[in-house]
Amino acid sequence: MDMGRESRWEKDAMTVEIGFALVTAAVLAALVFGVLLVPALLVGVDEPAGKALLGAGAVLAGLAAVWRVVRVLVRFDRARRQGR
């Protein structure tokens, strides 16, 4: 094997880790959005406060998803570089 090249199991491990990061990011985003959706439904989605809650929920859900993907992949890369 050439130095600097990844083995097949390393490529498979990265694929699994990317899938894990995306699935958990989607779940986290749904939870974050759901937390702000409930009060928006109670206030009324057509009200300005309800619209603000939905907008904030969408933004926070997106940020949470990106944060989760980055966190999982950085942790995986750090462990891979340490040889774990």
C-alpha atoms as a PDB file:
ATOM      1  CA  MET A   1       0.000   0.000   0.000  1.00  0.00           C
ATOM      2  CA  ASP A   2       1.230   3.508  -0.801  1.00  0.00           C
ATOM      3  CA  MET A   3       1.854   5.962   1.994  1.00  0.00           C
ATOM      4  CA  GLY A   4      -0.823   8.626   2.106  1.00  0.00           C
ATOM      5  CA  ARG A   5      -3.459   6.434   0.567  1.00  0.00           C
ATOM      6  CA  GLU A   6      -6.448   5.298   2.547  1.00  0.00           C
ATOM      7  CA  SER A   7      -7.345   1.650   2.783  1.00  0.00           C
ATOM      8  CA  ARG A   8     -10.774   0.392   1.829  1.00  0.00           C
ATOM      9  CA  TRP A   9     -11.888   0.048   5.445  1.00  0.00           C
ATOM     10  CA  GLU A  10     -10.844   3.652   6.139  1.00  0.00           C
ATOM     11  CA  LYS A  11     -12.960   4.844   3.225  1.00  0.00           C
ATOM     12  CA  ASP A  12     -15.875   2.729   4.440  1.00  0.00           C
ATOM     13  CA  ALA A  13     -15.458   4.080   7.973  1.00  0.00           C
ATOM     14  CA  MET A  14     -15.556   7.643   6.655  1.00  0.00           C
ATOM     15  CA  THR A  15     -18.689   6.879   4.636  1.00  0.00           C
ATOM     16  CA  VAL A  16     -20.407   5.449   7.710  1.00  0.00           C
ATOM     17  CA  GLU A  17     -19.307   8.438   9.786  1.00  0.00           C
ATOM     18  CA  ILE A  18     -20.663  10.896   7.217  1.00  0.00           C
ATOM     19  CA  GLY A  19     -23.973   9.031   7.185  1.00  0.00           C
ATOM     20  CA  PHE A  20     -24.077   9.056  10.980  1.00  0.00           C
ATOM     21  CA  ALA A  21     -23.326  12.783  11.040  1.00  0.00           C
ATOM     22  CA  LEU A  22     -26.083  13.568   8.547  1.00  0.00           C
ATOM     23  CA  VAL A  23     -28.722  11.409  10.235  1.00  0.00           C
ATOM     24  CA  THR A  24     -28.000  12.742  13.712  1.00  0.00           C
ATOM     25  CA  ALA A  25     -27.902  16.296  12.333  1.00  0.00           C
ATOM     26  CA  ALA A  26     -31.347  15.817  10.803  1.00  0.00           C
ATOM     27  CA  VAL A  27     -32.729  14.453  14.080  1.00  0.00           C
ATOM     28  CA  LEU A  28     -31.189  17.324  16.056  1.00  0.00           C
ATOM     29  CA  ALA A  29     -32.548  19.896  13.596  1.00  0.00           C
ATOM     30  CA  ALA A  30     -36.030  18.376  13.833  1.00  0.00           C
ATOM     31  CA  LEU A  31     -35.900  18.495  17.620  1.00  0.00           C
ATOM     32  CA  VAL A  32     -34.708  22.103  17.704  1.00  0.00           C
ATOM     33  CA  PHE A  33     -37.372  23.153  15.203  1.00  0.00           C
ATOM     34  CA  GLY A  34     -40.027  21.204  17.118  1.00  0.00           C
ATOM     35  CA  VAL A  35     -39.155  22.958  20.357  1.00  0.00           C
ATOM     36  CA  LEU A  36     -39.963  26.301  18.732  1.00  0.00           C
ATOM     37  CA  LEU A  37     -42.851  24.978  16.659  1.00  0.00           C
ATOM     38  CA  VAL A  38     -44.972  24.123  19.701  1.00  0.00           C
ATOM     39  CA  PRO A  39     -45.034  27.687  21.079  1.00  0.00           C
ATOM     40  CA  ALA A  40     -45.603  29.023  17.552  1.00  0.00           C
ATOM     41  CA  LEU A  41     -48.665  26.805  17.234  1.00  0.00           C
ATOM     42  CA  LEU A  42     -49.924  27.914  20.630  1.00  0.00           C
ATOM     43  CA  VAL A  43     -49.481  31.605  19.764  1.00  0.00           C
ATOM     44  CA  GLY A  44     -50.778  31.167  16.244  1.00  0.00           C
ATOM     45  CA  VAL A  45     -48.709  30.726  13.131  1.00  0.00           C
ATOM     46  CA  ASP A  46     -50.339  33.742  11.443  1.00  0.00           C
ATOM     47  CA  GLU A  47     -49.396  36.078  14.305  1.00  0.00           C
ATOM     48  CA  PRO A  48     -46.103  38.005  14.109  1.00  0.00           C
ATOM     49  CA  ALA A  49     -44.798  36.228  17.214  1.00  0.00           C
ATOM     50  CA  GLY A  50     -45.622  32.854  15.668  1.00  0.00           C
ATOM     51  CA  LYS A  51     -43.867  33.768  12.445  1.00  0.00           C
ATOM     52  CA  ALA A  52     -40.846  34.964  14.410  1.00  0.00           C
ATOM     53  CA  LEU A  53     -40.735  31.686  16.337  1.00  0.00           C
ATOM     54  CA  LEU A  54     -40.913  29.687  13.100  1.00  0.00           C
ATOM     55  CA  GLY A  55     -38.145  31.785  11.550  1.00  0.00           C
ATOM     56  CA  ALA A  56     -35.971  31.465  14.632  1.00  0.00           C
ATOM     57  CA  GLY A  57     -36.653  27.728  14.713  1.00  0.00           C
ATOM     58  CA  ALA A  58     -35.596  27.317  11.100  1.00  0.00           C
ATOM     59  CA  VAL A  59     -32.386  29.296  11.590  1.00  0.00           C
ATOM     60  CA  LEU A  60     -31.487  27.547  14.842  1.00  0.00           C
ATOM     61  CA  ALA A  61     -32.283  24.134  13.359  1.00  0.00           C
ATOM     62  CA  GLY A  62     -29.973  24.822  10.418  1.00  0.00           C
ATOM     63  CA  LEU A  63     -27.193  26.019  12.688  1.00  0.00           C
ATOM     64  CA  ALA A  64     -27.604  23.007  14.970  1.00  0.00           C
ATOM     65  CA  ALA A  65     -27.420  20.636  11.995  1.00  0.00           C
ATOM     66  CA  VAL A  66     -24.249  22.228  10.631  1.00  0.00           C
ATOM     67  CA  TRP A  67     -22.700  22.249  14.121  1.00  0.00           C
ATOM     68  CA  ARG A  68     -23.490  18.531  14.550  1.00  0.00           C
ATOM     69  CA  VAL A  69     -21.999  17.519  11.195  1.00  0.00           C
ATOM     70  CA  VAL A  70     -18.822  19.512  11.805  1.00  0.00           C
ATOM     71  CA  ARG A  71     -18.469  18.217  15.372  1.00  0.00           C
ATOM     72  CA  VAL A  72     -18.859  14.555  14.382  1.00  0.00           C
ATOM     73  CA  LEU A  73     -16.495  14.766  11.420  1.00  0.00           C
ATOM     74  CA  VAL A  74     -13.812  16.721  13.291  1.00  0.00           C
ATOM     75  CA  ARG A  75     -13.969  14.221  16.157  1.00  0.00           C
ATOM     76  CA  PHE A  76     -13.683  11.338  13.676  1.00  0.00           C
ATOM     77  CA  ASP A  77     -10.719  12.940  11.911  1.00  0.00           C
ATOM     78  CA  ARG A  78      -8.955  13.619  15.207  1.00  0.00           C
ATOM     79  CA  ALA A  79      -9.418   9.984  16.284  1.00  0.00           C
ATOM     80  CA  ARG A  80      -8.260   8.751  12.858  1.00  0.00           C
ATOM     81  CA  ARG A  81      -5.086  10.834  13.028  1.00  0.00           C
ATOM     82  CA  GLN A  82      -4.325   9.449  16.491  1.00  0.00           C
ATOM     83  CA  GLY A  83      -4.673   5.933  15.130  1.00  0.00           C
ATOM     84  CA  ARG A  84      -7.837   4.899  16.954  1.00  0.00           C
END
